[in-house]
Amino acid sequence: MEAFESQYSWTEAVTKWNIQVHMWLKYYVMLRLMDRSKPRNQMQVGPMLITFIVSAAWHGMELGFFVMFIGFGIMEYAIKLSEKTLVA
């Protein structure tokens, strides 16, 4: 993996930033909480929210971290909802 400081574009830096923690949270927290009986394209808010809470706890037990990461979870939920909304 390339270091964050050696990226040539902003997009590349964002995709490589903190990827190990992201993958750990995805495979060891979120996917284990997913309800496998539901369709794959159905969004499950519970596992996503718990994953953001675990990420906040991982970064530190500060109120600001919890507010920030819960905000990220709400933004992620809103973005996924807006992708399904048709704009005239």
N, C-alpha and C. Protein backbone atom coordinates (compact mmCIF):
# COMPACT_ATOMS: atom_id res chain seq x y z
N MET A 1 0.83 -1.19 0.00
CA MET A 1 0.00 0.00 0.00
C MET A 1 0.87 1.24 0.00
N GLU A 2 0.45 2.21 -0.74
CA GLU A 2 1.20 3.46 -0.80
C GLU A 2 0.89 4.31 0.42
N ALA A 3 1.85 5.11 0.79
CA ALA A 3 1.64 6.00 1.93
C ALA A 3 0.73 7.16 1.52
N PHE A 4 0.04 7.71 2.48
CA PHE A 4 -0.89 8.81 2.22
C PHE A 4 -0.17 10.01 1.63
N GLU A 5 1.05 10.27 2.08
CA GLU A 5 1.79 11.46 1.64
C GLU A 5 2.26 11.38 0.20
N SER A 6 2.28 10.20 -0.41
CA SER A 6 2.82 10.07 -1.76
C SER A 6 1.74 10.04 -2.85
N GLN A 7 0.55 10.47 -2.53
CA GLN A 7 -0.53 10.46 -3.52
C GLN A 7 -0.41 11.66 -4.45
N TYR A 8 -0.84 11.49 -5.69
CA TYR A 8 -0.73 12.55 -6.69
C TYR A 8 -2.02 13.32 -6.90
N SER A 9 -3.13 12.82 -6.39
CA SER A 9 -4.39 13.54 -6.54
C SER A 9 -5.21 13.42 -5.26
N TRP A 10 -6.14 14.34 -5.08
CA TRP A 10 -6.98 14.33 -3.89
C TRP A 10 -7.84 13.06 -3.84
N THR A 11 -8.39 12.66 -4.96
CA THR A 11 -9.23 11.46 -5.01
C THR A 11 -8.45 10.23 -4.59
N GLU A 12 -7.24 10.10 -5.08
CA GLU A 12 -6.40 8.96 -4.73
C GLU A 12 -6.05 8.98 -3.24
N ALA A 13 -5.80 10.16 -2.68
CA ALA A 13 -5.47 10.27 -1.26
C ALA A 13 -6.66 9.86 -0.40
N VAL A 14 -7.86 10.28 -0.78
CA VAL A 14 -9.05 9.95 0.00
C VAL A 14 -9.33 8.46 -0.04
N THR A 15 -9.14 7.82 -1.20
CA THR A 15 -9.42 6.39 -1.30
C THR A 15 -8.40 5.55 -0.55
N LYS A 16 -7.18 6.04 -0.37
CA LYS A 16 -6.14 5.27 0.32
C LYS A 16 -6.08 5.58 1.82
N TRP A 17 -6.74 6.67 2.24
CA TRP A 17 -6.64 7.10 3.63
C TRP A 17 -7.38 6.14 4.55
N ASN A 18 -6.70 5.66 5.55
CA ASN A 18 -7.28 4.84 6.62
C ASN A 18 -7.98 3.59 6.08
N ILE A 19 -7.47 2.99 5.03
CA ILE A 19 -8.13 1.86 4.38
C ILE A 19 -8.11 0.61 5.25
N GLN A 20 -7.06 0.40 6.06
CA GLN A 20 -7.02 -0.80 6.89
C GLN A 20 -8.13 -0.78 7.94
N VAL A 21 -8.34 0.37 8.57
CA VAL A 21 -9.40 0.48 9.57
C VAL A 21 -10.76 0.33 8.89
N HIS A 22 -10.91 0.92 7.72
CA HIS A 22 -12.17 0.81 6.98
C HIS A 22 -12.49 -0.65 6.67
N MET A 23 -11.51 -1.40 6.18
CA MET A 23 -11.75 -2.80 5.84
C MET A 23 -12.03 -3.63 7.08
N TRP A 24 -11.34 -3.36 8.20
CA TRP A 24 -11.60 -4.08 9.44
C TRP A 24 -13.02 -3.83 9.91
N LEU A 25 -13.45 -2.56 9.89
CA LEU A 25 -14.81 -2.24 10.31
C LEU A 25 -15.84 -2.90 9.41
N LYS A 26 -15.55 -2.93 8.12
CA LYS A 26 -16.50 -3.54 7.18
C LYS A 26 -16.65 -5.03 7.42
N TYR A 27 -15.53 -5.75 7.48
CA TYR A 27 -15.59 -7.21 7.53
C TYR A 27 -15.82 -7.77 8.93
N TYR A 28 -15.36 -7.08 9.97
CA TYR A 28 -15.46 -7.64 11.31
C TYR A 28 -16.59 -7.04 12.13
N VAL A 29 -17.16 -5.93 11.69
CA VAL A 29 -18.27 -5.34 12.44
C VAL A 29 -19.53 -5.34 11.60
N MET A 30 -19.53 -4.60 10.50
CA MET A 30 -20.77 -4.38 9.75
C MET A 30 -21.31 -5.66 9.10
N LEU A 31 -20.49 -6.40 8.40
CA LEU A 31 -21.00 -7.58 7.70
C LEU A 31 -21.47 -8.68 8.66
N ARG A 32 -20.91 -8.73 9.86
CA ARG A 32 -21.37 -9.72 10.84
C ARG A 32 -22.72 -9.36 11.43
N LEU A 33 -23.10 -8.07 11.35
CA LEU A 33 -24.38 -7.63 11.89
C LEU A 33 -25.49 -7.60 10.85
N MET A 34 -25.14 -7.78 9.58
CA MET A 34 -26.13 -7.71 8.51
C MET A 34 -27.09 -8.89 8.58
N ASP A 35 -28.36 -8.62 8.31
CA ASP A 35 -29.39 -9.65 8.25
C ASP A 35 -29.35 -10.27 6.86
N ARG A 36 -28.90 -11.50 6.77
CA ARG A 36 -28.72 -12.16 5.47
C ARG A 36 -30.04 -12.56 4.81
N SER A 37 -31.15 -12.52 5.55
CA SER A 37 -32.43 -12.89 4.96
C SER A 37 -33.03 -11.75 4.14
N LYS A 38 -32.51 -10.54 4.30
CA LYS A 38 -33.01 -9.40 3.53
C LYS A 38 -32.31 -9.35 2.18
N PRO A 39 -32.94 -8.72 1.17
CA PRO A 39 -32.30 -8.60 -0.14
C PRO A 39 -30.99 -7.81 -0.06
N ARG A 40 -30.06 -8.12 -0.94
CA ARG A 40 -28.74 -7.49 -0.92
C ARG A 40 -28.79 -5.98 -1.18
N ASN A 41 -29.75 -5.52 -1.95
CA ASN A 41 -29.79 -4.09 -2.28
C ASN A 41 -30.57 -3.28 -1.25
N GLN A 42 -31.08 -3.91 -0.20
CA GLN A 42 -31.83 -3.19 0.83
C GLN A 42 -30.85 -2.65 1.88
N MET A 43 -30.96 -1.35 2.16
CA MET A 43 -30.07 -0.72 3.13
C MET A 43 -30.50 -1.11 4.55
N GLN A 44 -29.51 -1.46 5.37
CA GLN A 44 -29.76 -1.81 6.76
C GLN A 44 -29.09 -0.75 7.64
N VAL A 45 -29.90 0.07 8.27
CA VAL A 45 -29.41 1.21 9.03
C VAL A 45 -28.72 0.78 10.32
N GLY A 46 -29.22 -0.24 10.99
CA GLY A 46 -28.65 -0.67 12.26
C GLY A 46 -27.17 -1.03 12.19
N PRO A 47 -26.78 -1.96 11.32
CA PRO A 47 -25.36 -2.30 11.22
C PRO A 47 -24.49 -1.12 10.81
N MET A 48 -25.01 -0.26 9.93
CA MET A 48 -24.24 0.91 9.51
C MET A 48 -24.03 1.86 10.69
N LEU A 49 -25.07 2.11 11.47
CA LEU A 49 -24.97 3.01 12.61
C LEU A 49 -24.04 2.44 13.69
N ILE A 50 -24.13 1.15 13.96
CA ILE A 50 -23.25 0.52 14.95
C ILE A 50 -21.80 0.60 14.49
N THR A 51 -21.55 0.45 13.20
CA THR A 51 -20.19 0.55 12.66
C THR A 51 -19.62 1.94 12.88
N PHE A 52 -20.43 2.98 12.65
CA PHE A 52 -19.96 4.34 12.89
C PHE A 52 -19.71 4.58 14.38
N ILE A 53 -20.51 3.99 15.26
CA ILE A 53 -20.30 4.14 16.70
C ILE A 53 -19.01 3.45 17.12
N VAL A 54 -18.75 2.25 16.59
CA VAL A 54 -17.49 1.55 16.89
C VAL A 54 -16.30 2.35 16.39
N SER A 55 -16.43 2.96 15.22
CA SER A 55 -15.36 3.79 14.69
C SER A 55 -15.10 5.00 15.59
N ALA A 56 -16.16 5.60 16.10
CA ALA A 56 -16.00 6.74 17.02
C ALA A 56 -15.32 6.30 18.31
N ALA A 57 -15.72 5.14 18.85
CA ALA A 57 -15.09 4.63 20.06
C ALA A 57 -13.63 4.30 19.82
N TRP A 58 -13.31 3.79 18.63
CA TRP A 58 -11.93 3.45 18.28
C TRP A 58 -11.05 4.70 18.28
N HIS A 59 -11.59 5.81 17.80
CA HIS A 59 -10.81 7.04 17.71
C HIS A 59 -10.69 7.76 19.05
N GLY A 60 -11.54 7.46 20.01
CA GLY A 60 -11.43 8.07 21.33
C GLY A 60 -12.80 8.30 21.94
N MET A 61 -12.84 8.25 23.24
CA MET A 61 -14.10 8.39 23.96
C MET A 61 -14.38 9.87 24.24
N GLU A 62 -14.51 10.64 23.20
CA GLU A 62 -14.79 12.07 23.31
C GLU A 62 -16.15 12.34 22.67
N LEU A 63 -16.89 13.27 23.23
CA LEU A 63 -18.21 13.60 22.70
C LEU A 63 -18.12 14.10 21.26
N GLY A 64 -17.10 14.87 20.95
CA GLY A 64 -16.94 15.39 19.60
C GLY A 64 -16.79 14.29 18.56
N PHE A 65 -16.05 13.23 18.89
CA PHE A 65 -15.90 12.12 17.96
C PHE A 65 -17.22 11.42 17.72
N PHE A 66 -17.99 11.20 18.79
CA PHE A 66 -19.28 10.54 18.62
C PHE A 66 -20.22 11.38 17.78
N VAL A 67 -20.26 12.68 18.02
CA VAL A 67 -21.12 13.56 17.23
C VAL A 67 -20.68 13.55 15.77
N MET A 68 -19.37 13.62 15.53
CA MET A 68 -18.85 13.64 14.16
C MET A 68 -19.18 12.33 13.44
N PHE A 69 -18.91 11.19 14.06
CA PHE A 69 -19.12 9.92 13.37
C PHE A 69 -20.60 9.58 13.22
N ILE A 70 -21.42 9.95 14.19
CA ILE A 70 -22.87 9.76 14.01
C ILE A 70 -23.36 10.66 12.89
N GLY A 71 -22.80 11.88 12.80
CA GLY A 71 -23.12 12.76 11.67
C GLY A 71 -22.73 12.15 10.34
N PHE A 72 -21.56 11.50 10.30
CA PHE A 72 -21.14 10.81 9.07
C PHE A 72 -22.13 9.71 8.72
N GLY A 73 -22.59 8.98 9.73
CA GLY A 73 -23.57 7.92 9.48
C GLY A 73 -24.87 8.46 8.94
N ILE A 74 -25.33 9.57 9.50
CA ILE A 74 -26.57 10.19 9.01
C ILE A 74 -26.40 10.69 7.59
N MET A 75 -25.23 11.29 7.30
CA MET A 75 -24.96 11.75 5.93
C MET A 75 -24.94 10.58 4.96
N GLU A 76 -24.31 9.48 5.35
CA GLU A 76 -24.25 8.29 4.49
C GLU A 76 -25.65 7.77 4.21
N TYR A 77 -26.49 7.74 5.25
CA TYR A 77 -27.87 7.29 5.10
C TYR A 77 -28.64 8.22 4.15
N ALA A 78 -28.47 9.53 4.32
CA ALA A 78 -29.16 10.50 3.47
C ALA A 78 -28.69 10.39 2.02
N ILE A 79 -27.41 10.17 1.81
CA ILE A 79 -26.89 10.03 0.44
C ILE A 79 -27.47 8.78 -0.21
N LYS A 80 -27.53 7.69 0.52
CA LYS A 80 -28.08 6.46 -0.06
C LYS A 80 -29.57 6.59 -0.34
N LEU A 81 -30.27 7.34 0.50
CA LEU A 81 -31.69 7.58 0.22
C LEU A 81 -31.87 8.47 -1.00
N SER A 82 -31.02 9.50 -1.13
CA SER A 82 -31.16 10.43 -2.25
C SER A 82 -30.80 9.77 -3.58
N GLU A 83 -29.95 8.75 -3.56
CA GLU A 83 -29.61 8.05 -4.80
C GLU A 83 -30.84 7.34 -5.39
N LYS A 84 -31.77 6.95 -4.52
CA LYS A 84 -32.96 6.26 -4.97
C LYS A 84 -34.06 7.23 -5.39
N THR A 85 -33.92 8.52 -5.05
CA THR A 85 -34.93 9.51 -5.37
C THR A 85 -34.77 9.97 -6.80
N LEU A 86 -35.86 10.01 -7.51
CA LEU A 86 -35.82 10.48 -8.90
C LEU A 86 -36.04 11.98 -8.92
N VAL A 87 -35.20 12.67 -9.68
CA VAL A 87 -35.32 14.11 -9.81
C VAL A 87 -35.94 14.37 -11.19
N ALA A 88 -36.97 15.24 -11.20
CA ALA A 88 -37.66 15.53 -12.46
C ALA A 88 -36.80 16.33 -13.39
